[in-house]
C-alpha atoms as a PDB file:
ATOM      1  CA  MET A   1     -23.651  -2.717   7.395  1.00  0.00           C
ATOM      2  CA  ASN A   2     -24.255   0.960   8.151  1.00  0.00           C
ATOM      3  CA  ILE A   3     -21.340   3.307   8.844  1.00  0.00           C
ATOM      4  CA  ASP A   4     -21.949   6.857  10.073  1.00  0.00           C
ATOM      5  CA  ILE A   5     -18.851   9.057   9.844  1.00  0.00           C
ATOM      6  CA  LEU A   6     -18.767  12.279  11.883  1.00  0.00           C
ATOM      7  CA  LEU A   7     -16.256  14.822  10.563  1.00  0.00           C
ATOM      8  CA  PRO A   8     -15.373  18.395  11.559  1.00  0.00           C
ATOM      9  CA  HIS A   9     -16.543  21.054   9.115  1.00  0.00           C
ATOM     10  CA  PHE A  10     -13.396  22.865   7.909  1.00  0.00           C
ATOM     11  CA  HIS A  11     -15.035  25.097   5.250  1.00  0.00           C
ATOM     12  CA  GLY A  12     -13.231  23.243   2.478  1.00  0.00           C
ATOM     13  CA  ALA A  13      -9.725  23.365   3.996  1.00  0.00           C
ATOM     14  CA  MET A  14      -7.735  20.244   3.154  1.00  0.00           C
ATOM     15  CA  THR A  15      -5.837  19.539   6.370  1.00  0.00           C
ATOM     16  CA  GLY A  16      -3.868  16.297   6.661  1.00  0.00           C
ATOM     17  CA  GLY A  17      -6.599  14.724   8.761  1.00  0.00           C
ATOM     18  CA  ASN A  18      -9.278  15.949   6.375  1.00  0.00           C
ATOM     19  CA  LEU A  19      -7.389  14.481   3.406  1.00  0.00           C
ATOM     20  CA  TYR A  20      -7.081  11.134   5.232  1.00  0.00           C
ATOM     21  CA  ASN A  21     -10.818  11.121   5.989  1.00  0.00           C
ATOM     22  CA  ARG A  22     -11.794  11.994   2.413  1.00  0.00           C
ATOM     23  CA  LYS A  23      -9.560   9.292   0.928  1.00  0.00           C
ATOM     24  CA  LEU A  24     -11.017   6.733   3.341  1.00  0.00           C
ATOM     25  CA  ILE A  25     -14.620   7.629   2.502  1.00  0.00           C
ATOM     26  CA  THR A  26     -13.922   7.558  -1.248  1.00  0.00           C
ATOM     27  CA  TYR A  27     -12.281   4.128  -1.016  1.00  0.00           C
ATOM     28  CA  LEU A  28     -15.065   2.586   1.065  1.00  0.00           C
ATOM     29  CA  ARG A  29     -17.775   3.892  -1.257  1.00  0.00           C
ATOM     30  CA  LYS A  30     -15.974   2.472  -4.292  1.00  0.00           C
ATOM     31  CA  THR A  31     -15.142  -0.944  -2.897  1.00  0.00           C
ATOM     32  CA  CYS A  32     -17.961  -2.057  -0.609  1.00  0.00           C
ATOM     33  CA  GLN A  33     -21.752  -2.156  -0.579  1.00  0.00           C
ATOM     34  CA  TRP A  34     -22.135  -0.695   2.892  1.00  0.00           C
ATOM     35  CA  ASP A  35     -24.277   2.356   3.545  1.00  0.00           C
ATOM     36  CA  ILE A  36     -21.660   5.084   4.172  1.00  0.00           C
ATOM     37  CA  ARG A  37     -23.258   8.196   5.657  1.00  0.00           C
ATOM     38  CA  GLU A  38     -21.141  11.296   6.149  1.00  0.00           C
ATOM     39  CA  HIS A  39     -22.023  14.041   8.673  1.00  0.00           C
ATOM     40  CA  SER A  40     -20.178  17.375   8.674  1.00  0.00           C
ATOM     41  CA  ILE A  41     -20.206  18.880  12.165  1.00  0.00           C
ATOM     42  CA  PRO A  42     -19.533  22.610  12.717  1.00  0.00           C
ATOM     43  CA  ARG A  43     -16.799  23.062  15.292  1.00  0.00           C
ATOM     44  CA  GLY A  44     -18.029  24.774  18.438  1.00  0.00           C
ATOM     45  CA  ARG A  45     -21.417  23.053  18.467  1.00  0.00           C
ATOM     46  CA  ILE A  46     -22.404  20.392  21.004  1.00  0.00           C
ATOM     47  CA  PHE A  47     -24.181  17.437  19.458  1.00  0.00           C
ATOM     48  CA  LYS A  48     -25.597  14.074  20.451  1.00  0.00           C
ATOM     49  CA  THR A  49     -24.399  11.021  18.534  1.00  0.00           C
ATOM     50  CA  ARG A  50     -27.725   9.274  19.043  1.00  0.00           C
ATOM     51  CA  ASN A  51     -29.205  11.718  16.540  1.00  0.00           C
ATOM     52  CA  PHE A  52     -27.215  10.185  13.697  1.00  0.00           C
ATOM     53  CA  GLY A  53     -28.813   7.183  12.052  1.00  0.00           C
ATOM     54  CA  SER A  54     -29.766   3.868  13.558  1.00  0.00           C
ATOM     55  CA  SER A  55     -28.143   2.137  16.506  1.00  0.00           C
ATOM     56  CA  ALA A  56     -26.891  -0.655  14.230  1.00  0.00           C
ATOM     57  CA  GLY A  57     -23.576  -0.653  12.419  1.00  0.00           C
ATOM     58  CA  ILE A  58     -20.486   1.430  13.134  1.00  0.00           C
ATOM     59  CA  LEU A  59     -19.959   5.036  14.241  1.00  0.00           C
ATOM     60  CA  LEU A  60     -16.667   6.648  13.147  1.00  0.00           C
ATOM     61  CA  VAL A  61     -15.760   9.943  14.837  1.00  0.00           C
ATOM     62  CA  ASP A  62     -12.849  12.246  14.037  1.00  0.00           C
ATOM     63  CA  SER A  63     -11.344  12.785  17.490  1.00  0.00           C
ATOM     64  CA  ILE A  64     -11.002  16.544  16.943  1.00  0.00           C
ATOM     65  CA  LEU A  65     -14.732  16.609  17.738  1.00  0.00           C
ATOM     66  CA  ASN A  66     -14.345  14.800  21.063  1.00  0.00           C
ATOM     67  CA  PRO A  67     -14.818  17.838  23.364  1.00  0.00           C
ATOM     68  CA  LEU A  68     -18.195  18.465  21.705  1.00  0.00           C
ATOM     69  CA  ILE A  69     -19.588  14.948  21.770  1.00  0.00           C
ATOM     70  CA  ASP A  70     -22.463  13.764  23.896  1.00  0.00           C
ATOM     71  CA  LEU A  71     -21.600  10.138  23.170  1.00  0.00           C
ATOM     72  CA  ASP A  72     -24.375   7.600  23.431  1.00  0.00           C
ATOM     73  CA  LYS A  73     -22.416   4.778  25.046  1.00  0.00           C
ATOM     74  CA  ASP A  74     -25.145   2.225  24.336  1.00  0.00           C
ATOM     75  CA  GLN A  75     -25.050   2.922  20.626  1.00  0.00           C
ATOM     76  CA  ARG A  76     -23.374   0.388  18.285  1.00  0.00           C
ATOM     77  CA  CYS A  77     -19.619   0.033  17.717  1.00  0.00           C
ATOM     78  CA  ARG A  78     -17.814   3.352  18.250  1.00  0.00           C
ATOM     79  CA  ILE A  79     -14.426   4.111  16.651  1.00  0.00           C
ATOM     80  CA  ALA A  80     -12.341   7.263  17.148  1.00  0.00           C
ATOM     81  CA  ILE A  81     -10.019   8.372  14.317  1.00  0.00           C
ATOM     82  CA  CYS A  82      -7.188  10.106  16.175  1.00  0.00           C
ATOM     83  CA  HIS A  83      -5.157  12.250  13.799  1.00  0.00           C
ATOM     84  CA  GLY A  84      -3.523  14.317  16.534  1.00  0.00           C
ATOM     85  CA  PRO A  85      -1.529  16.421  17.096  1.00  0.00           C
ATOM     86  CA  LEU A  86      -0.549  15.268  20.566  1.00  0.00           C
ATOM     87  CA  GLY A  87      -1.835  18.330  22.444  1.00  0.00           C
ATOM     88  CA  GLU A  88      -5.173  18.141  20.676  1.00  0.00           C
ATOM     89  CA  ALA A  89      -5.447  14.420  21.351  1.00  0.00           C
ATOM     90  CA  LEU A  90      -4.737  14.963  25.050  1.00  0.00           C
ATOM     91  CA  LEU A  91      -7.568  17.503  25.254  1.00  0.00           C
ATOM     92  CA  GLY A  92     -10.060  15.073  23.727  1.00  0.00           C
ATOM     93  CA  GLU A  93     -12.653  12.975  25.488  1.00  0.00           C
ATOM     94  CA  ASN A  94     -11.341   9.841  27.186  1.00  0.00           C
ATOM     95  CA  LEU A  95     -10.751   7.214  24.511  1.00  0.00           C
ATOM     96  CA  SER A  96     -12.197   4.570  26.802  1.00  0.00           C
ATOM     97  CA  HIS A  97     -15.619   5.840  25.675  1.00  0.00           C
ATOM     98  CA  TYR A  98     -14.889   4.201  22.313  1.00  0.00           C
ATOM     99  CA  ASP A  99     -14.682   0.548  21.428  1.00  0.00           C
ATOM    100  CA  PHE A 100     -11.599   1.168  19.253  1.00  0.00           C
ATOM    101  CA  SER A 101      -9.237   4.011  18.387  1.00  0.00           C
ATOM    102  CA  VAL A 102      -7.351   4.296  15.079  1.00  0.00           C
ATOM    103  CA  PHE A 103      -4.084   6.253  14.918  1.00  0.00           C
ATOM    104  CA  PRO A 104      -1.960   7.360  11.925  1.00  0.00           C
ATOM    105  CA  GLY A 105       1.261   6.104  13.473  1.00  0.00           C
ATOM    106  CA  HIS A 106       2.855   4.254  16.385  1.00  0.00           C
ATOM    107  CA  SER A 107       4.644   7.355  17.648  1.00  0.00           C
ATOM    108  CA  LEU A 108       1.384   9.133  18.544  1.00  0.00           C
ATOM    109  CA  VAL A 109       0.238   6.033  20.433  1.00  0.00           C
ATOM    110  CA  GLU A 110       3.505   5.939  22.382  1.00  0.00           C
ATOM    111  CA  ASP A 111       3.404   9.660  23.143  1.00  0.00           C
ATOM    112  CA  LEU A 112      -0.172   9.430  24.374  1.00  0.00           C
ATOM    113  CA  ARG A 113       0.742   6.400  26.470  1.00  0.00           C
ATOM    114  CA  LYS A 114       3.413   8.442  28.269  1.00  0.00           C
ATOM    115  CA  HIS A 115       0.767  10.950  29.366  1.00  0.00           C
ATOM    116  CA  ARG A 116      -2.250   8.706  29.878  1.00  0.00           C
ATOM    117  CA  GLY A 117      -1.000   5.236  30.530  1.00  0.00           C
ATOM    118  CA  GLU A 118      -2.280   2.289  28.545  1.00  0.00           C
ATOM    119  CA  ILE A 119      -4.403   3.105  25.474  1.00  0.00           C
ATOM    120  CA  PRO A 120      -7.615   1.043  25.085  1.00  0.00           C
ATOM    121  CA  LYS A 121      -8.137  -1.163  22.030  1.00  0.00           C
ATOM    122  CA  HIS A 122      -6.449   0.556  19.137  1.00  0.00           C
ATOM    123  CA  GLN A 123      -5.251   0.077  15.583  1.00  0.00           C
ATOM    124  CA  VAL A 124      -2.509   1.897  13.631  1.00  0.00           C
ATOM    125  CA  ILE A 125      -3.353   2.662   9.988  1.00  0.00           C
ATOM    126  CA  ALA A 126      -0.795   5.050   8.520  1.00  0.00           C
ATOM    127  CA  PRO A 127      -1.636   7.526   5.709  1.00  0.00           C
ATOM    128  CA  GLY A 128      -0.506   7.158   2.109  1.00  0.00           C
ATOM    129  CA  ILE A 129       0.223   9.424  -0.834  1.00  0.00           C
ATOM    130  CA  ASP A 130      -0.915   9.785  -4.452  1.00  0.00           C
ATOM    131  CA  HIS A 131       1.883   8.121  -6.375  1.00  0.00           C
ATOM    132  CA  ASP A 132       0.526   9.255  -9.705  1.00  0.00           C
ATOM    133  CA  LEU A 133       1.342  12.830  -8.588  1.00  0.00           C
ATOM    134  CA  PHE A 134       4.220  12.483  -6.142  1.00  0.00           C
ATOM    135  CA  HIS A 135       6.994  10.586  -7.866  1.00  0.00           C
ATOM    136  CA  GLY A 136      10.307  11.122  -9.610  1.00  0.00           C
ATOM    137  CA  VAL A 137      13.495  12.748  -8.344  1.00  0.00           C
ATOM    138  CA  PRO A 138      14.608  15.886 -10.262  1.00  0.00           C
ATOM    139  CA  LEU A 139      18.369  15.912 -10.787  1.00  0.00           C
ATOM    140  CA  ASP A 140      18.917  19.665 -10.598  1.00  0.00           C
ATOM    141  CA  ARG A 141      17.301  21.570  -7.739  1.00  0.00           C
ATOM    142  CA  PRO A 142      17.814  25.248  -6.802  1.00  0.00           C
ATOM    143  CA  ARG A 143      19.158  25.264  -3.227  1.00  0.00           C
ATOM    144  CA  ASN A 144      17.684  28.709  -2.571  1.00  0.00           C
ATOM    145  CA  LEU A 145      14.002  27.883  -3.305  1.00  0.00           C
ATOM    146  CA  TRP A 146      12.277  26.615  -0.151  1.00  0.00           C
ATOM    147  CA  VAL A 147       8.737  25.399   0.419  1.00  0.00           C
ATOM    148  CA  SER A 148       6.404  24.361   3.251  1.00  0.00           C
ATOM    149  CA  VAL A 149       2.992  22.709   2.878  1.00  0.00           C
ATOM    150  CA  GLY A 150       0.334  22.857   5.573  1.00  0.00           C
ATOM    151  CA  SER A 151      -2.554  24.960   6.843  1.00  0.00           C
ATOM    152  CA  VAL A 152      -1.487  28.329   8.237  1.00  0.00           C
ATOM    153  CA  LEU A 153      -1.946  27.535  11.941  1.00  0.00           C
ATOM    154  CA  PRO A 154       0.224  28.361  14.990  1.00  0.00           C
ATOM    155  CA  GLU A 155       1.032  24.679  15.558  1.00  0.00           C
ATOM    156  CA  LYS A 156       2.688  24.533  12.120  1.00  0.00           C
ATOM    157  CA  GLY A 157       5.507  26.782  13.347  1.00  0.00           C
ATOM    158  CA  TYR A 158       5.621  29.288  10.494  1.00  0.00           C
ATOM    159  CA  HIS A 159       6.386  32.137  12.917  1.00  0.00           C
ATOM    160  CA  ILE A 160       9.575  30.297  13.916  1.00  0.00           C
ATOM    161  CA  VAL A 161      10.736  30.182  10.304  1.00  0.00           C
ATOM    162  CA  LEU A 162       9.973  33.855   9.685  1.00  0.00           C
ATOM    163  CA  GLU A 163      12.111  34.901  12.646  1.00  0.00           C
ATOM    164  CA  ALA A 164      14.877  32.602  11.426  1.00  0.00           C
ATOM    165  CA  MET A 165      14.853  34.383   8.070  1.00  0.00           C
ATOM    166  CA  LYS A 166      15.260  37.851   9.574  1.00  0.00           C
ATOM    167  CA  SER A 167      18.246  39.484   7.806  1.00  0.00           C
ATOM    168  CA  LEU A 168      19.228  36.114   6.335  1.00  0.00           C
ATOM    169  CA  PRO A 169      21.711  36.942   3.562  1.00  0.00           C
ATOM    170  CA  GLY A 170      21.864  35.470   0.117  1.00  0.00           C
ATOM    171  CA  PRO A 171      19.373  35.063  -2.721  1.00  0.00           C
ATOM    172  CA  TRP A 172      16.568  32.828  -1.492  1.00  0.00           C
ATOM    173  CA  SER A 173      12.766  32.565  -1.563  1.00  0.00           C
ATOM    174  CA  TYR A 174      10.334  30.800   0.768  1.00  0.00           C
ATOM    175  CA  HIS A 175       6.877  29.642  -0.344  1.00  0.00           C
ATOM    176  CA  ILE A 176       4.111  28.658   2.093  1.00  0.00           C
ATOM    177  CA  ILE A 177       1.299  26.540   0.626  1.00  0.00           C
ATOM    178  CA  GLY A 178      -1.745  26.095   2.847  1.00  0.00           C
ATOM    179  CA  ASN A 179      -5.194  27.339   3.768  1.00  0.00           C
ATOM    180  CA  LYS A 180      -5.142  30.747   5.474  1.00  0.00           C
ATOM    181  CA  ASN A 181      -8.764  30.753   6.661  1.00  0.00           C
ATOM    182  CA  LEU A 182      -8.657  28.298   9.567  1.00  0.00           C
ATOM    183  CA  CYS A 183      -6.950  30.861  11.809  1.00  0.00           C
ATOM    184  CA  PRO A 184      -7.208  34.263  10.073  1.00  0.00           C
ATOM    185  CA  THR A 185      -5.695  36.122  13.024  1.00  0.00           C
ATOM    186  CA  TYR A 186      -2.496  34.069  12.854  1.00  0.00           C
ATOM    187  CA  ALA A 187      -2.334  34.402   9.066  1.00  0.00           C
ATOM    188  CA  ASP A 188      -2.683  38.188   9.373  1.00  0.00           C
ATOM    189  CA  GLU A 189       0.036  38.301  12.037  1.00  0.00           C
ATOM    190  CA  LEU A 190       2.416  36.425   9.754  1.00  0.00           C
ATOM    191  CA  LYS A 191       1.676  38.779   6.857  1.00  0.00           C
ATOM    192  CA  VAL A 192       2.361  41.826   9.044  1.00  0.00           C
ATOM    193  CA  ARG A 193       5.585  40.266  10.308  1.00  0.00           C
ATOM    194  CA  VAL A 194       6.798  39.625   6.755  1.00  0.00           C
ATOM    195  CA  GLU A 195       6.157  43.282   5.965  1.00  0.00           C
ATOM    196  CA  GLN A 196       8.012  44.387   9.110  1.00  0.00           C
ATOM    197  CA  LEU A 197      10.981  42.241   8.127  1.00  0.00           C
ATOM    198  CA  LYS A 198      10.874  43.730   4.596  1.00  0.00           C
ATOM    199  CA  LEU A 199      10.733  40.237   3.096  1.00  0.00           C
ATOM    200  CA  THR A 200       7.604  40.564   0.945  1.00  0.00           C
ATOM    201  CA  THR A 201       9.596  39.827  -2.213  1.00  0.00           C
ATOM    202  CA  ARG A 202      11.105  36.673  -0.700  1.00  0.00           C
ATOM    203  CA  ILE A 203       8.329  35.123   1.402  1.00  0.00           C
ATOM    204  CA  LYS A 204       5.079  34.283  -0.377  1.00  0.00           C
ATOM    205  CA  PHE A 205       1.785  32.846   0.877  1.00  0.00           C
ATOM    206  CA  HIS A 206       0.101  30.877  -1.902  1.00  0.00           C
ATOM    207  CA  GLY A 207      -3.013  29.733  -0.047  1.00  0.00           C
ATOM    208  CA  GLU A 208      -4.405  26.259  -0.557  1.00  0.00           C
ATOM    209  CA  LEU A 209      -3.490  24.599  -3.848  1.00  0.00           C
ATOM    210  CA  ASP A 210      -4.699  21.358  -5.381  1.00  0.00           C
ATOM    211  CA  GLN A 211      -2.557  18.239  -5.148  1.00  0.00           C
ATOM    212  CA  GLN A 212      -1.212  18.567  -8.673  1.00  0.00           C
ATOM    213  CA  GLN A 213       0.019  22.101  -7.960  1.00  0.00           C
ATOM    214  CA  VAL A 214       1.549  20.976  -4.672  1.00  0.00           C
ATOM    215  CA  ALA A 215       3.419  18.216  -6.501  1.00  0.00           C
ATOM    216  CA  GLN A 216       4.760  20.756  -8.994  1.00  0.00           C
ATOM    217  CA  TRP A 217       6.076  22.978  -6.193  1.00  0.00           C
ATOM    218  CA  LEU A 218       7.751  20.038  -4.464  1.00  0.00           C
ATOM    219  CA  ARG A 219       9.510  19.043  -7.672  1.00  0.00           C
ATOM    220  CA  ARG A 220      10.677  22.632  -8.248  1.00  0.00           C
ATOM    221  CA  ALA A 221      11.958  23.325  -4.737  1.00  0.00           C
ATOM    222  CA  GLY A 222      15.424  22.710  -3.361  1.00  0.00           C
ATOM    223  CA  LEU A 223      14.488  22.275   0.319  1.00  0.00           C
ATOM    224  CA  TYR A 224      11.355  21.337   2.240  1.00  0.00           C
ATOM    225  CA  ILE A 225      10.928  23.094   5.602  1.00  0.00           C
ATOM    226  CA  ALA A 226       8.826  21.198   8.152  1.00  0.00           C
ATOM    227  CA  ALA A 227       8.661  23.715  10.997  1.00  0.00           C
ATOM    228  CA  ALA A 228       5.883  22.246  13.160  1.00  0.00           C
ATOM    229  CA  PRO A 229       7.185  21.236  16.613  1.00  0.00           C
ATOM    230  CA  TYR A 230       5.045  18.059  16.437  1.00  0.00           C
ATOM    231  CA  GLU A 231       3.472  15.949  13.680  1.00  0.00           C
ATOM    232  CA  SER A 232       1.347  12.868  14.311  1.00  0.00           C
ATOM    233  CA  HIS A 233       2.449  11.684  10.881  1.00  0.00           C
ATOM    234  CA  GLY A 234       3.174  14.414   8.327  1.00  0.00           C
ATOM    235  CA  ILE A 235       1.604  13.545   4.965  1.00  0.00           C
ATOM    236  CA  ALA A 236       3.261  16.503   3.205  1.00  0.00           C
ATOM    237  CA  ILE A 237       6.666  15.311   4.448  1.00  0.00           C
ATOM    238  CA  GLN A 238       5.938  11.900   2.914  1.00  0.00           C
ATOM    239  CA  GLU A 239       5.033  13.582  -0.367  1.00  0.00           C
ATOM    240  CA  ALA A 240       8.282  15.554  -0.303  1.00  0.00           C
ATOM    241  CA  MET A 241      10.202  12.339   0.343  1.00  0.00           C
ATOM    242  CA  ALA A 242       8.504  10.677  -2.617  1.00  0.00           C
ATOM    243  CA  VAL A 243       9.871  13.314  -5.019  1.00  0.00           C
ATOM    244  CA  GLY A 244      13.341  13.194  -3.444  1.00  0.00           C
ATOM    245  CA  LEU A 245      13.198  16.645  -1.855  1.00  0.00           C
ATOM    246  CA  PRO A 246      15.710  17.258   0.997  1.00  0.00           C
ATOM    247  CA  ILE A 247      13.899  18.002   4.254  1.00  0.00           C
ATOM    248  CA  MET A 248      14.725  20.206   7.221  1.00  0.00           C
ATOM    249  CA  ASN A 249      12.458  18.811   9.933  1.00  0.00           C
ATOM    250  CA  CYS A 250      11.646  20.364  13.311  1.00  0.00           C
ATOM    251  CA  ALA A 251       8.834  17.978  14.196  1.00  0.00           C
ATOM    252  CA  GLU A 252       8.892  15.500  17.016  1.00  0.00           C
ATOM    253  CA  GLY A 253       6.535  12.566  16.597  1.00  0.00           C
ATOM    254  CA  ALA A 254       6.350  10.319  13.547  1.00  0.00           C
ATOM    255  CA  PRO A 255       8.903  12.146  11.325  1.00  0.00           C
ATOM    256  CA  ARG A 256      11.662  11.291  13.800  1.00  0.00           C
ATOM    257  CA  SER A 257      11.011   7.601  13.120  1.00  0.00           C
ATOM    258  CA  TYR A 258      10.730   7.588   9.328  1.00  0.00           C
ATOM    259  CA  LEU A 259      12.917  10.507   8.220  1.00  0.00           C
ATOM    260  CA  ALA A 260      16.124   8.639   7.530  1.00  0.00           C
ATOM    261  CA  GLU A 261      19.453  10.448   7.532  1.00  0.00           C
ATOM    262  CA  HIS A 262      19.717  10.476   3.754  1.00  0.00           C
ATOM    263  CA  HIS A 263      16.396  12.324   3.468  1.00  0.00           C
ATOM    264  CA  GLY A 264      17.420  15.356   5.499  1.00  0.00           C
ATOM    265  CA  TRP A 265      18.000  16.673   8.998  1.00  0.00           C
ATOM    266  CA  HIS A 266      16.180  17.079  12.279  1.00  0.00           C
ATOM    267  CA  VAL A 267      16.735  20.456  13.958  1.00  0.00           C
ATOM    268  CA  LYS A 268      15.241  22.054  17.056  1.00  0.00           C
ATOM    269  CA  ALA A 269      12.116  24.155  16.499  1.00  0.00           C
ATOM    270  CA  SER A 270      13.737  27.469  17.411  1.00  0.00           C
ATOM    271  CA  ALA A 271      14.529  30.477  15.233  1.00  0.00           C
ATOM    272  CA  PRO A 272      18.291  30.601  16.020  1.00  0.00           C
ATOM    273  CA  VAL A 273      18.756  26.895  15.262  1.00  0.00           C
ATOM    274  CA  VAL A 274      16.733  27.051  12.046  1.00  0.00           C
ATOM    275  CA  ARG A 275      18.648  30.158  11.001  1.00  0.00           C
ATOM    276  CA  ARG A 276      22.020  28.457  11.538  1.00  0.00           C
ATOM    277  CA  PHE A 277      20.885  25.507   9.438  1.00  0.00           C
ATOM    278  CA  LEU A 278      19.684  27.720   6.584  1.00  0.00           C
ATOM    279  CA  GLN A 279      22.999  29.589   6.615  1.00  0.00           C
ATOM    280  CA  GLU A 280      24.857  26.282   6.341  1.00  0.00           C
ATOM    281  CA  TRP A 281      22.499  25.148   3.595  1.00  0.00           C
ATOM    282  CA  LEU A 282      23.037  28.312   1.526  1.00  0.00           C
ATOM    283  CA  ALA A 283      26.783  27.985   2.004  1.00  0.00           C
ATOM    284  CA  GLU A 284      26.557  24.416   0.656  1.00  0.00           C
ATOM    285  CA  ARG A 285      28.064  22.949   3.794  1.00  0.00           C
ATOM    286  CA  VAL A 286      25.279  20.382   4.281  1.00  0.00           C
ATOM    287  CA  TYR A 287      24.230  17.731   1.775  1.00  0.00           C
ATOM    288  CA  CYS A 288      22.035  14.671   1.561  1.00  0.00           C
ATOM    289  CA  ASP A 289      21.103  12.011  -0.978  1.00  0.00           C
ATOM    290  CA  PRO A 290      17.286  11.878  -0.741  1.00  0.00           C
ATOM    291  CA  SER A 291      16.599   8.518  -2.355  1.00  0.00           C
ATOM    292  CA  GLN A 292      13.028   7.295  -2.166  1.00  0.00           C
ATOM    293  CA  SER A 293      11.799   5.545   0.949  1.00  0.00           C
ATOM    294  CA  SER A 294       9.532   2.620   1.739  1.00  0.00           C
ATOM    295  CA  TRP A 295       7.613   5.021   4.009  1.00  0.00           C
ATOM    296  CA  ALA A 296       6.865   7.099   0.926  1.00  0.00           C
ATOM    297  CA  SER A 297       5.736   4.052  -1.087  1.00  0.00           C
ATOM    298  CA  ARG A 298       2.452   3.547   0.782  1.00  0.00           C
ATOM    299  CA  THR A 299      -0.626   4.457  -1.292  1.00  0.00           C
ATOM    300  CA  TRP A 300      -4.125   5.558  -0.318  1.00  0.00           C
ATOM    301  CA  ALA A 301      -5.356   2.238  -1.718  1.00  0.00           C
ATOM    302  CA  ASP A 302      -3.172   0.531   0.908  1.00  0.00           C
ATOM    303  CA  VAL A 303      -4.810   2.710   3.564  1.00  0.00           C
ATOM    304  CA  GLY A 304      -8.306   1.898   2.326  1.00  0.00           C
ATOM    305  CA  SER A 305      -7.537  -1.828   2.160  1.00  0.00           C
ATOM    306  CA  ASP A 306      -6.258  -1.811   5.754  1.00  0.00           C
ATOM    307  CA  TRP A 307      -9.409  -0.007   6.907  1.00  0.00           C
ATOM    308  CA  LEU A 308     -11.646  -2.376   4.983  1.00  0.00           C
ATOM    309  CA  ASN A 309      -9.994  -5.404   6.571  1.00  0.00           C
ATOM    310  CA  PHE A 310     -10.317  -3.801  10.004  1.00  0.00           C
ATOM    311  CA  LEU A 311     -13.996  -2.922   9.553  1.00  0.00           C
ATOM    312  CA  GLU A 312     -14.815  -6.346   8.090  1.00  0.00           C
ATOM    313  CA  SER A 313     -13.277  -7.967  11.155  1.00  0.00           C
ATOM    314  CA  LEU A 314     -15.592  -5.884  13.352  1.00  0.00           C
ATOM    315  CA  ASP A 315     -18.589  -6.741  11.180  1.00  0.00           C
ATOM    316  CA  GLY A 316     -17.684 -10.403  11.566  1.00  0.00           C
ATOM    317  CA  GLU A 317     -17.595 -10.017  15.338  1.00  0.00           C
ATOM    318  CA  GLY A 318     -21.068  -8.475  15.249  1.00  0.00           C
END
């Protein structure tokens, strides 16, 4: 069987969706004899799917490309990989143009259903984590060392956190780990704001780090800050859960369903609310016992196996 996979070109940035796609491709190439052909599509360029390979087999398309697709509706089996977030998914081409849609979690399906009505044929295949890197629960964590992981984009809510930290008393430091090149204007605005707030010694932008370095930061930190107003799943939150890191979560979507009470707290994505929480945290008036979760036990091999079973079922139908 032939599988053509169309992915957005992110200039090397490892977003959550990009990580999911890369892990899927690696697994399929290692475990099956199919012809897996990967196509990196520059964002902002219209393209025709009929130009990619033969009409036989399966066409996988990252849904972030949907507004750019001239989809050949007579061509083979078409599958959309819908990573979200919700707003981005709503802007995409109608999913009825695909034979199947695959989502990272049930919450995104339900949220889309509220806006669009019934979703056509779909499958939920949640992400996993690298358990060889993200494991173990340090016993002694510094409460005043905070970390966030995710590309520096407006939808990640970093500007909310910076305003919350304005004149926040006490010894603390906040470390943002994520690619700064996907939206340079936003990254520059954040840097200027940190300078205006005179917090350059407390707030640091580390850029994109490899997974081993990310794991080291999560084990060192005392609190994970998930400031995005919405997450279709939140792989970095799963990784933080796997190392027993307490989590302050602002995100609607999937984290509301899997972030159990003993892993942390859900707070509104607003600067005053986040600020009040951080004040309580520094004053040691909030606690949690972040034991490991079954949500954090899922591996990328589990993800690949689920995809393989799904694709084999389609091949059998053909």
